Amino acid sequence: MAPQTAQYTQRVQTLFTSRQYEMLCDYAAESEKPLSVIVRETVVQHLLDKLEQRRKQKALEWLCSQELAVDDWDVMERQVETMWESCG
């Protein structure tokens, strides 16, 4: 079974200086990857992964700060999911 590939549907446009663009193209060529993949991987690695980690940390800190009674797993799971959703 082949791994499922992401469906990219949203486009972002940005401008670079000529020098920045040349350097990015050189990097992409050296990496043997399309420039779009280089940019997308960089955004995920340096922004989105860190944002997700901060949200998880915030949810964990909230969970640890609560004096929650140990309850049925389904109840506890809903509490955790609710906090996760409220983190953004």
N, C-alpha and C. Protein backbone atom coordinates (compact mmCIF):
# COMPACT_ATOMS: atom_id res chain seq x y z
N MET A 1 0.84 -1.17 0.00
CA MET A 1 0.00 0.00 0.00
C MET A 1 0.89 1.24 0.00
N ALA A 2 0.64 2.17 -0.92
CA ALA A 2 1.45 3.39 -1.04
C ALA A 2 1.05 4.39 0.03
N PRO A 3 2.02 5.17 0.52
CA PRO A 3 1.69 6.19 1.53
C PRO A 3 0.78 7.26 0.91
N GLN A 4 -0.09 7.79 1.74
CA GLN A 4 -1.02 8.80 1.29
C GLN A 4 -0.28 10.13 1.16
N THR A 5 -0.49 10.80 0.02
CA THR A 5 0.17 12.09 -0.18
C THR A 5 -0.79 13.21 0.19
N ALA A 6 -0.23 14.30 0.67
CA ALA A 6 -1.03 15.45 1.07
C ALA A 6 -1.65 16.10 -0.15
N GLN A 7 -2.83 16.65 0.04
CA GLN A 7 -3.50 17.38 -1.02
C GLN A 7 -3.25 18.86 -0.80
N TYR A 8 -2.33 19.42 -1.55
CA TYR A 8 -2.02 20.84 -1.41
C TYR A 8 -3.03 21.63 -2.23
N THR A 9 -3.79 22.49 -1.55
CA THR A 9 -4.85 23.22 -2.24
C THR A 9 -4.76 24.73 -2.06
N GLN A 10 -3.90 25.18 -1.16
CA GLN A 10 -3.79 26.61 -0.89
C GLN A 10 -2.47 27.14 -1.43
N ARG A 11 -2.55 28.30 -2.01
CA ARG A 11 -1.36 28.90 -2.62
C ARG A 11 -0.97 30.15 -1.84
N VAL A 12 0.33 30.35 -1.68
CA VAL A 12 0.88 31.55 -1.05
C VAL A 12 1.87 32.16 -2.03
N GLN A 13 1.80 33.46 -2.16
CA GLN A 13 2.74 34.14 -3.05
C GLN A 13 3.64 35.04 -2.23
N THR A 14 4.92 35.03 -2.53
CA THR A 14 5.86 35.91 -1.85
C THR A 14 6.90 36.38 -2.86
N LEU A 15 7.55 37.45 -2.53
CA LEU A 15 8.59 37.99 -3.41
C LEU A 15 9.93 37.92 -2.71
N PHE A 16 10.97 37.61 -3.49
CA PHE A 16 12.34 37.56 -3.01
C PHE A 16 13.17 38.52 -3.85
N THR A 17 14.29 38.95 -3.31
CA THR A 17 15.22 39.71 -4.13
C THR A 17 15.81 38.75 -5.16
N SER A 18 16.44 39.31 -6.18
CA SER A 18 17.07 38.47 -7.20
C SER A 18 18.12 37.56 -6.58
N ARG A 19 18.88 38.11 -5.68
CA ARG A 19 19.94 37.33 -5.02
C ARG A 19 19.34 36.20 -4.18
N GLN A 20 18.31 36.51 -3.40
CA GLN A 20 17.66 35.48 -2.59
C GLN A 20 17.11 34.37 -3.47
N TYR A 21 16.48 34.74 -4.56
CA TYR A 21 15.89 33.76 -5.47
C TYR A 21 16.98 32.87 -6.09
N GLU A 22 18.08 33.48 -6.50
CA GLU A 22 19.20 32.71 -7.06
C GLU A 22 19.73 31.71 -6.03
N MET A 23 19.88 32.19 -4.79
CA MET A 23 20.40 31.31 -3.74
C MET A 23 19.43 30.16 -3.47
N LEU A 24 18.13 30.46 -3.45
CA LEU A 24 17.14 29.40 -3.24
C LEU A 24 17.17 28.39 -4.38
N CYS A 25 17.29 28.87 -5.60
CA CYS A 25 17.37 27.96 -6.75
C CYS A 25 18.62 27.10 -6.68
N ASP A 26 19.74 27.70 -6.27
CA ASP A 26 20.98 26.92 -6.10
C ASP A 26 20.79 25.84 -5.03
N TYR A 27 20.17 26.23 -3.92
CA TYR A 27 19.94 25.28 -2.84
C TYR A 27 19.04 24.13 -3.31
N ALA A 28 17.99 24.49 -4.04
CA ALA A 28 17.08 23.46 -4.56
C ALA A 28 17.82 22.51 -5.50
N ALA A 29 18.65 23.06 -6.35
CA ALA A 29 19.41 22.22 -7.29
C ALA A 29 20.36 21.29 -6.53
N GLU A 30 21.04 21.83 -5.53
CA GLU A 30 21.95 21.02 -4.73
C GLU A 30 21.21 19.93 -3.98
N SER A 31 20.00 20.23 -3.56
CA SER A 31 19.18 19.28 -2.81
C SER A 31 18.43 18.32 -3.72
N GLU A 32 18.45 18.61 -5.01
CA GLU A 32 17.73 17.82 -6.01
C GLU A 32 16.24 17.75 -5.69
N LYS A 33 15.70 18.91 -5.28
CA LYS A 33 14.27 19.03 -4.97
C LYS A 33 13.74 20.28 -5.66
N PRO A 34 12.46 20.28 -6.01
CA PRO A 34 11.87 21.49 -6.56
C PRO A 34 11.89 22.62 -5.53
N LEU A 35 12.00 23.84 -6.01
CA LEU A 35 12.02 25.00 -5.12
C LEU A 35 10.78 25.04 -4.24
N SER A 36 9.62 24.69 -4.79
CA SER A 36 8.38 24.71 -4.00
C SER A 36 8.47 23.75 -2.82
N VAL A 37 9.10 22.62 -3.00
CA VAL A 37 9.25 21.65 -1.92
C VAL A 37 10.20 22.20 -0.85
N ILE A 38 11.27 22.83 -1.28
CA ILE A 38 12.22 23.42 -0.33
C ILE A 38 11.51 24.46 0.53
N VAL A 39 10.75 25.35 -0.09
CA VAL A 39 10.05 26.40 0.66
C VAL A 39 9.02 25.78 1.60
N ARG A 40 8.24 24.83 1.11
CA ARG A 40 7.20 24.20 1.94
C ARG A 40 7.82 23.46 3.12
N GLU A 41 8.87 22.68 2.89
CA GLU A 41 9.52 21.95 3.98
C GLU A 41 10.09 22.91 5.03
N THR A 42 10.64 24.02 4.58
CA THR A 42 11.22 25.00 5.50
C THR A 42 10.14 25.63 6.36
N VAL A 43 9.01 25.98 5.76
CA VAL A 43 7.90 26.56 6.53
C VAL A 43 7.40 25.56 7.56
N VAL A 44 7.23 24.32 7.15
CA VAL A 44 6.75 23.30 8.09
C VAL A 44 7.75 23.11 9.23
N GLN A 45 9.02 22.95 8.89
CA GLN A 45 10.04 22.66 9.91
C GLN A 45 10.26 23.82 10.86
N HIS A 46 10.30 25.04 10.35
CA HIS A 46 10.70 26.17 11.18
C HIS A 46 9.54 26.97 11.75
N LEU A 47 8.35 26.78 11.23
CA LEU A 47 7.20 27.52 11.74
C LEU A 47 6.10 26.61 12.27
N LEU A 48 5.57 25.77 11.40
CA LEU A 48 4.38 25.00 11.77
C LEU A 48 4.67 23.93 12.82
N ASP A 49 5.78 23.22 12.69
CA ASP A 49 6.12 22.21 13.70
C ASP A 49 6.33 22.86 15.07
N LYS A 50 6.98 24.03 15.08
CA LYS A 50 7.22 24.73 16.35
C LYS A 50 5.91 25.25 16.94
N LEU A 51 5.01 25.73 16.08
CA LEU A 51 3.71 26.20 16.56
C LEU A 51 2.93 25.04 17.18
N GLU A 52 2.92 23.91 16.51
CA GLU A 52 2.22 22.74 17.06
C GLU A 52 2.82 22.31 18.39
N GLN A 53 4.15 22.35 18.49
CA GLN A 53 4.82 21.98 19.75
C GLN A 53 4.44 22.94 20.87
N ARG A 54 4.40 24.25 20.57
CA ARG A 54 4.00 25.22 21.60
C ARG A 54 2.56 24.97 22.06
N ARG A 55 1.69 24.65 21.14
CA ARG A 55 0.30 24.37 21.51
C ARG A 55 0.19 23.12 22.37
N LYS A 56 0.95 22.11 22.04
CA LYS A 56 0.95 20.89 22.85
C LYS A 56 1.49 21.18 24.24
N GLN A 57 2.55 22.00 24.31
CA GLN A 57 3.14 22.36 25.60
C GLN A 57 2.11 23.12 26.44
N LYS A 58 1.40 24.05 25.82
CA LYS A 58 0.38 24.82 26.53
C LYS A 58 -0.72 23.90 27.06
N ALA A 59 -1.15 22.96 26.25
CA ALA A 59 -2.18 22.02 26.67
C ALA A 59 -1.68 21.15 27.83
N LEU A 60 -0.41 20.72 27.75
CA LEU A 60 0.17 19.90 28.82
C LEU A 60 0.27 20.70 30.11
N GLU A 61 0.72 21.97 30.01
CA GLU A 61 0.81 22.82 31.20
C GLU A 61 -0.56 23.02 31.83
N TRP A 62 -1.57 23.22 30.99
CA TRP A 62 -2.93 23.37 31.52
C TRP A 62 -3.36 22.09 32.22
N LEU A 63 -3.12 20.98 31.57
CA LEU A 63 -3.54 19.69 32.13
C LEU A 63 -2.87 19.44 33.48
N CYS A 64 -1.59 19.76 33.55
CA CYS A 64 -0.85 19.55 34.80
C CYS A 64 -1.27 20.53 35.90
N SER A 65 -1.79 21.68 35.51
CA SER A 65 -2.19 22.68 36.50
C SER A 65 -3.57 22.40 37.09
N GLN A 66 -4.30 21.51 36.49
CA GLN A 66 -5.65 21.22 36.95
C GLN A 66 -5.64 20.18 38.07
N GLU A 67 -6.59 20.29 38.92
CA GLU A 67 -6.75 19.27 39.95
C GLU A 67 -7.92 18.40 39.53
N LEU A 68 -7.68 17.69 38.46
CA LEU A 68 -8.73 16.86 37.89
C LEU A 68 -8.73 15.48 38.56
N ALA A 69 -9.90 15.08 38.93
CA ALA A 69 -10.03 13.74 39.49
C ALA A 69 -9.85 12.73 38.36
N VAL A 70 -9.25 11.63 38.69
CA VAL A 70 -9.14 10.56 37.71
C VAL A 70 -10.54 10.04 37.46
N ASP A 71 -10.91 10.04 36.20
CA ASP A 71 -12.27 9.72 35.83
C ASP A 71 -12.24 8.63 34.77
N ASP A 72 -13.38 8.33 34.28
CA ASP A 72 -13.51 7.40 33.18
C ASP A 72 -12.67 7.93 32.00
N TRP A 73 -11.98 7.07 31.28
CA TRP A 73 -11.10 7.51 30.22
C TRP A 73 -11.82 8.37 29.19
N ASP A 74 -13.04 8.01 28.81
CA ASP A 74 -13.78 8.79 27.82
C ASP A 74 -13.99 10.22 28.28
N VAL A 75 -14.28 10.42 29.56
CA VAL A 75 -14.47 11.77 30.12
C VAL A 75 -13.15 12.53 30.09
N MET A 76 -12.09 11.89 30.53
CA MET A 76 -10.79 12.54 30.55
C MET A 76 -10.32 12.88 29.13
N GLU A 77 -10.56 11.99 28.20
CA GLU A 77 -10.16 12.22 26.82
C GLU A 77 -10.89 13.44 26.24
N ARG A 78 -12.18 13.57 26.53
CA ARG A 78 -12.95 14.73 26.07
C ARG A 78 -12.39 16.02 26.66
N GLN A 79 -12.00 15.99 27.94
CA GLN A 79 -11.42 17.18 28.56
C GLN A 79 -10.13 17.60 27.86
N VAL A 80 -9.29 16.63 27.57
CA VAL A 80 -8.03 16.92 26.90
C VAL A 80 -8.29 17.46 25.49
N GLU A 81 -9.20 16.83 24.77
CA GLU A 81 -9.52 17.28 23.41
C GLU A 81 -10.10 18.68 23.41
N THR A 82 -10.93 18.99 24.38
CA THR A 82 -11.51 20.33 24.48
C THR A 82 -10.42 21.37 24.70
N MET A 83 -9.47 21.07 25.57
CA MET A 83 -8.37 22.00 25.81
C MET A 83 -7.52 22.15 24.56
N TRP A 84 -7.24 21.06 23.86
CA TRP A 84 -6.44 21.10 22.65
C TRP A 84 -7.11 22.00 21.61
N GLU A 85 -8.40 21.84 21.44
CA GLU A 85 -9.14 22.67 20.48
C GLU A 85 -9.13 24.13 20.85
N SER A 86 -9.18 24.44 22.14
CA SER A 86 -9.19 25.83 22.57
C SER A 86 -7.82 26.49 22.42
N CYS A 87 -6.78 25.68 22.24
CA CYS A 87 -5.43 26.23 22.05
C CYS A 87 -5.24 26.75 20.62
N GLY A 88 -6.18 26.47 19.77
CA GLY A 88 -6.07 27.08 18.46
C GLY A 88 -5.91 26.13 17.35
